Protein backbone atom coordinates (compact mmCIF):
# COMPACT_ATOMS: atom_id res chain seq x y z
CA UNK A 1 -10.06 21.13 -18.89
CA UNK A 2 -6.27 21.17 -17.37
CA UNK A 3 -5.74 18.41 -14.86
CA UNK A 4 -5.04 19.78 -11.25
CA UNK A 5 -2.22 17.19 -10.16
CA UNK A 6 -2.07 18.67 -6.74
CA UNK A 7 -5.79 17.60 -6.00
CA UNK A 8 -5.32 14.24 -6.84
CA UNK A 9 -4.80 10.85 -4.87
CA UNK A 10 -3.71 8.64 -7.73
CA UNK A 11 -3.28 4.55 -7.52
CA UNK A 12 -0.63 3.20 -9.78
CA UNK A 13 -0.26 -0.59 -9.99
CA UNK A 14 3.23 -1.92 -10.95
CA UNK A 15 5.10 0.96 -8.55
CA UNK A 16 8.13 -0.61 -7.55
CA UNK A 17 10.11 0.20 -10.81
CA UNK A 18 10.30 1.37 -14.24
CA UNK A 19 7.44 3.54 -15.77
CA UNK A 20 5.75 3.21 -12.52
CA UNK A 21 8.03 4.59 -10.47
CA UNK A 22 9.26 7.29 -12.72
CA UNK A 23 5.39 8.10 -12.79
CA UNK A 24 5.18 8.08 -9.07
CA UNK A 25 8.01 10.74 -8.85
CA UNK A 26 6.79 12.90 -11.34
CA UNK A 27 3.17 12.97 -10.03
CA UNK A 28 4.68 13.68 -6.64
CA UNK A 29 6.74 16.41 -7.75
CA UNK A 30 3.18 17.88 -9.21
CA UNK A 31 1.77 17.63 -5.68
CA UNK A 32 -0.50 14.58 -6.15
CA UNK A 33 -0.93 11.80 -3.40
CA UNK A 34 -0.30 8.53 -4.17
CA UNK A 35 -1.26 4.82 -3.75
CA UNK A 36 1.83 2.58 -4.72
CA UNK A 37 0.77 -0.97 -5.56
CA UNK A 38 3.16 -3.78 -6.25
CA UNK A 39 4.25 -7.22 -4.69
CA UNK A 40 7.82 -6.14 -3.54
CA UNK A 41 7.20 -4.10 -0.21
CA UNK A 42 10.54 -3.01 0.48
CA UNK A 43 10.90 -1.24 -2.94
CA UNK A 44 7.58 0.27 -2.21
CA UNK A 45 8.34 1.65 1.10
CA UNK A 46 11.84 2.80 0.05
CA UNK A 47 10.17 4.67 -2.94
CA UNK A 48 7.40 6.27 -0.62
CA UNK A 49 9.89 7.35 1.93
CA UNK A 50 11.73 8.92 -0.84
CA UNK A 51 8.75 10.89 -2.13
CA UNK A 52 7.24 11.67 1.19
CA UNK A 53 10.55 13.50 2.03
CA UNK A 54 10.94 15.43 -1.52
CA UNK A 55 7.53 16.43 -2.09
CA UNK A 56 5.70 16.59 1.49
CA UNK A 57 2.89 14.32 -0.35
CA UNK A 58 0.97 11.52 1.06
CA UNK A 59 2.06 8.39 0.07
CA UNK A 60 0.51 4.72 0.95
CA UNK A 61 1.86 1.64 -0.27
CA UNK A 62 0.07 -1.52 -0.81
CA UNK A 63 1.88 -5.16 -1.33
CA UNK A 64 -0.56 -6.91 -3.61
CA UNK A 65 -0.33 -9.66 -6.03
CA UNK A 66 -2.57 -8.47 -8.99
CA UNK A 67 -2.72 -12.18 -10.41
CA UNK A 68 -5.00 -13.44 -7.95
CA UNK A 69 -8.70 -13.57 -8.82
CA UNK A 70 -10.72 -10.69 -7.64
CA UNK A 71 -7.56 -8.63 -6.77
CA UNK A 72 -8.79 -5.29 -7.74
CA UNK A 73 -12.03 -5.63 -5.46
CA UNK A 74 -9.38 -6.64 -2.48
CA UNK A 75 -7.33 -3.59 -3.47
CA UNK A 76 -10.28 -1.06 -3.38
CA UNK A 77 -11.43 -2.88 0.06
CA UNK A 78 -7.96 -2.17 1.66
CA UNK A 79 -7.80 1.32 0.53
CA UNK A 80 -11.49 1.65 1.98
CA UNK A 81 -10.29 0.22 5.10
CA UNK A 82 -7.15 2.81 5.39
CA UNK A 83 -9.61 5.54 4.46
CA UNK A 84 -8.22 6.62 1.17
CA UNK A 85 -10.46 8.30 -1.40
CA UNK A 86 -8.61 7.18 -4.71
CA UNK A 87 -9.33 9.95 -7.51
CA UNK A 88 -7.11 8.69 -10.10
CA UNK A 89 -5.91 5.31 -11.26
CA UNK A 90 -2.92 4.06 -13.50
CA UNK A 91 -3.04 0.41 -14.43
CA UNK A 92 0.76 0.25 -15.22
CA UNK A 93 1.83 -3.60 -13.94
CA UNK A 94 2.42 -5.99 -16.78
CA UNK A 95 4.72 -8.87 -17.75
CA UNK A 96 5.93 -9.80 -20.94
CA UNK A 97 6.74 -13.46 -23.11
CA UNK A 98 8.28 -13.91 -26.60
CA UNK A 99 8.98 -16.95 -28.37
CA UNK A 100 7.17 -19.14 -30.61
CA UNK A 101 3.71 -19.65 -29.02
CA UNK A 102 3.70 -23.62 -29.47
CA UNK A 103 6.90 -23.57 -27.34
CA UNK A 104 6.10 -21.44 -24.50
CA UNK A 105 5.19 -22.06 -20.85
CA UNK A 106 1.40 -22.56 -20.45
CA UNK A 107 1.55 -21.25 -16.67
CA UNK A 108 3.54 -18.29 -17.69
CA UNK A 109 1.11 -17.49 -20.20
CA UNK A 110 -1.97 -17.77 -17.69
CA UNK A 111 0.22 -15.46 -15.48
CA UNK A 112 0.69 -12.97 -18.22
CA UNK A 113 -3.24 -12.81 -18.96
CA UNK A 114 -4.02 -12.57 -15.95
CA UNK A 115 -1.90 -9.38 -15.04
CA UNK A 116 -2.05 -7.65 -18.42
CA UNK A 117 -5.73 -8.49 -19.31
CA UNK A 118 -8.01 -9.46 -16.20
CA UNK A 119 -6.05 -7.62 -13.79
CA UNK A 120 -6.72 -3.91 -15.73
CA UNK A 121 -10.23 -4.95 -16.00
CA UNK A 122 -10.81 -5.97 -12.34
CA UNK A 123 -9.07 -2.86 -10.96
CA UNK A 124 -10.54 -0.47 -13.37
CA UNK A 125 -14.46 -1.92 -12.49
CA UNK A 126 -13.76 -1.59 -8.74
CA UNK A 127 -12.57 1.85 -8.98
CA UNK A 128 -13.98 3.67 -11.97
CA UNK A 129 -17.19 4.46 -10.27
CA UNK A 130 -15.06 6.31 -7.33
CA UNK A 131 -12.74 8.06 -9.45
CA UNK A 132 -13.26 12.12 -9.37
CA UNK A 133 -14.44 13.44 -12.62
CA UNK A 134 -11.40 15.64 -12.41
CA UNK A 135 -9.49 12.71 -12.47
CA UNK A 136 -8.04 10.28 -14.90
CA UNK A 137 -8.29 6.44 -15.48
CA UNK A 138 -4.75 5.20 -17.39
CA UNK A 139 -4.40 1.81 -18.84
CA UNK A 140 -0.70 1.18 -20.16
CA UNK A 141 -1.14 -0.51 -23.51
CA UNK A 142 1.89 -0.80 -26.16
CA UNK A 143 3.15 -0.09 -29.67
CA UNK A 144 2.73 -3.76 -29.69
CA UNK A 145 -1.10 -3.32 -29.53
CA UNK A 146 -1.45 -1.85 -32.77
CA UNK A 147 -0.48 -5.16 -35.08
CA UNK A 148 -0.38 -9.00 -34.23
CA UNK A 149 3.36 -9.67 -33.75
CA UNK A 150 4.74 -12.92 -34.56
CA UNK A 151 7.31 -14.35 -31.81
CA UNK A 152 5.06 -12.17 -29.30
CA UNK A 153 1.68 -13.39 -30.06
CA UNK A 154 0.26 -13.64 -26.57
CA UNK A 155 1.62 -10.28 -25.57
CA UNK A 156 0.83 -8.44 -28.47
CA UNK A 157 -2.91 -9.28 -28.04
CA UNK A 158 -3.10 -8.79 -24.50
CA UNK A 159 -2.07 -5.18 -25.07
CA UNK A 160 -4.69 -4.97 -28.32
CA UNK A 161 -7.30 -6.05 -25.68
CA UNK A 162 -6.01 -2.98 -23.35
CA UNK A 163 -6.21 -0.51 -26.12
CA UNK A 164 -9.47 -1.58 -27.20
CA UNK A 165 -10.97 -1.72 -23.91
CA UNK A 166 -9.71 1.65 -22.69
CA UNK A 167 -10.62 3.41 -26.01
CA UNK A 168 -14.28 2.16 -25.18
CA UNK A 169 -14.29 3.40 -22.06
CA UNK A 170 -12.95 6.58 -23.08
CA UNK A 171 -16.50 7.21 -24.85
CA UNK A 172 -18.43 5.76 -21.95
CA UNK A 173 -16.75 8.22 -19.29
CA UNK A 174 -16.65 10.99 -21.94
CA UNK A 175 -18.11 14.37 -20.25
CA UNK A 176 -19.10 12.97 -16.97
CA UNK A 177 -16.38 10.59 -15.79
CA UNK A 178 -12.83 10.47 -15.17
CA UNK A 179 -10.34 11.53 -18.06
CA UNK A 180 -9.83 7.73 -19.81
CA UNK A 181 -6.73 7.29 -21.58
CA UNK A 182 -5.00 4.31 -23.25
CA UNK A 183 -1.28 5.03 -23.22
CA UNK A 184 1.32 3.17 -25.43
CA UNK A 185 4.88 3.07 -24.68
CA UNK A 186 7.42 2.08 -27.27
CA UNK A 187 10.72 0.03 -26.25
CA UNK A 188 11.75 1.25 -22.91
CA UNK A 189 14.65 0.04 -20.66
CA UNK A 190 12.81 -1.23 -17.62
CA UNK A 191 12.93 -4.58 -15.86
CA UNK A 192 10.28 -5.73 -18.18
CA UNK A 193 12.88 -6.93 -20.31
CA UNK A 194 14.88 -8.93 -17.68
CA UNK A 195 13.07 -12.01 -18.34
CA UNK A 196 13.09 -11.78 -21.85
CA UNK A 197 16.10 -9.84 -22.64
CA UNK A 198 16.68 -7.19 -25.29
CA UNK A 199 18.47 -9.32 -27.98
CA UNK A 200 15.96 -9.09 -31.32
CA UNK A 201 14.24 -5.95 -30.51
CA UNK A 202 15.08 -3.33 -33.19
CA UNK A 203 14.98 0.30 -32.31
CA UNK A 204 15.65 2.88 -29.92
CA UNK A 205 15.00 2.35 -26.16
CA UNK A 206 13.52 5.32 -24.22
CA UNK A 207 14.03 5.90 -20.36
CA UNK A 208 11.15 5.35 -18.01
CA UNK A 209 11.23 9.10 -17.18
CA UNK A 210 11.06 9.85 -20.88
CA UNK A 211 8.04 7.78 -20.90
CA UNK A 212 6.45 9.13 -17.90
CA UNK A 213 6.77 12.80 -18.64
CA UNK A 214 5.18 11.77 -22.10
CA UNK A 215 2.12 10.39 -20.13
CA UNK A 216 1.86 13.29 -18.05
CA UNK A 217 1.77 15.46 -21.36
CA UNK A 218 -0.91 13.69 -22.89
CA UNK A 219 -2.99 13.91 -19.54
CA UNK A 220 -2.36 17.68 -19.25
CA UNK A 221 -3.82 17.97 -23.13
CA UNK A 222 -7.08 20.37 -22.80
CA UNK A 223 -8.64 17.99 -25.89
CA UNK A 224 -8.29 14.32 -24.27
CA UNK A 225 -8.05 11.62 -26.72
CA UNK A 226 -8.93 7.99 -26.22
CA UNK A 227 -5.39 7.07 -26.71
CA UNK A 228 -1.83 8.56 -26.93
CA UNK A 229 1.72 7.05 -27.95
CA UNK A 230 4.67 7.94 -25.85
CA UNK A 231 6.34 9.56 -28.94
CA UNK A 232 5.00 10.96 -31.92
CA UNK A 233 7.52 9.53 -34.30
CA UNK A 234 5.75 6.09 -33.19
CA UNK A 235 2.57 7.59 -34.68
CA UNK A 236 3.39 6.65 -38.61
CA UNK A 237 3.77 2.61 -38.33
CA UNK A 238 0.39 2.36 -36.99
CA UNK A 239 -1.30 4.37 -39.93
CA UNK A 240 0.72 2.60 -42.39
CA UNK A 241 -0.23 -0.60 -41.45
CA UNK A 242 -3.83 0.20 -41.80
CA UNK A 243 -3.37 0.57 -45.64
CA UNK A 244 -2.14 -2.99 -45.95
CA UNK A 245 -3.90 -6.21 -46.31
CA UNK A 246 -4.26 -8.28 -43.03
CA UNK A 247 -1.74 -10.73 -44.83
CA UNK A 248 0.57 -7.92 -45.63
CA UNK A 249 0.35 -6.42 -42.23
CA UNK A 250 1.59 -8.99 -40.57
CA UNK A 251 4.11 -10.17 -42.79
CA UNK A 252 5.55 -6.53 -42.63
CA UNK A 253 5.26 -6.61 -38.67
CA UNK A 254 7.19 -9.94 -38.73
CA UNK A 255 9.95 -8.67 -41.04
CA UNK A 256 10.35 -4.98 -38.87
CA UNK A 257 9.85 -6.73 -35.38
CA UNK A 258 12.75 -9.46 -36.00
CA UNK A 259 10.27 -11.94 -35.39
CA UNK A 260 12.58 -14.62 -36.82
CA UNK A 261 15.23 -13.55 -34.42
CA UNK A 262 12.73 -13.61 -31.13
CA UNK A 263 12.01 -17.55 -32.05
CA UNK A 264 15.40 -18.19 -32.62
CA UNK A 265 16.63 -16.90 -29.38
CA UNK A 266 13.86 -18.54 -27.44
CA UNK A 267 14.86 -21.97 -29.22
CA UNK A 268 18.49 -21.59 -28.38
CA UNK A 269 18.05 -20.86 -24.67
CA UNK A 270 15.48 -23.76 -24.50
CA UNK A 271 18.25 -26.14 -25.61
């Protein structure tokens, strides 16, 4: 079944910049009404004004800190208060952290897990029963989800959770609920890297607009899949790693991902 984006009201978390903002622009151009969620109110309002003027769609903004316990239920209560019926949901908000686990700040790790793991579960649970069968539920995972990554142990594990969780939801919602998808971008030039830097990350970076376009193409496929990557060229690595022993997979990933450089970079920054 092809999606009719013009019939949707799509809630996007982490919508003030990066992939979230690019996706909002693309969906608005397709005629979707939007609920944009992030902490930075001024950026949300500027984006909402741009989209209303360019496409004539309804755009609501909600300033929310999704790290707080119960943020998903509070968000659902807020859209109810405004009389908005959300038909589709994209859990895009997330943060990253790299370096040796033993040297990472515990508060930063707690915030990462709250935003990357707890928030998608809480927001999905708050909205899944409300979403339209003709709509969709997307959780943004990462290429990091497909293997443990030394030097990014907690981040990669958080995205592995998102991937596993969402693929299970795909089965549960298949045939009667919204189209459910775990979508995994690769390296993308966004503010995600402002806090951790791009040094030590080998590979080609894509733009948020390229990633958003790939996500919409994945949603528009007639036969839905539980997960999708932002580019087909990335599919080989997860497939090949499944053929390795667990030991070999970790050692290979550490070499390819530049784990030694990630660890050295963070130790140097701490001095």
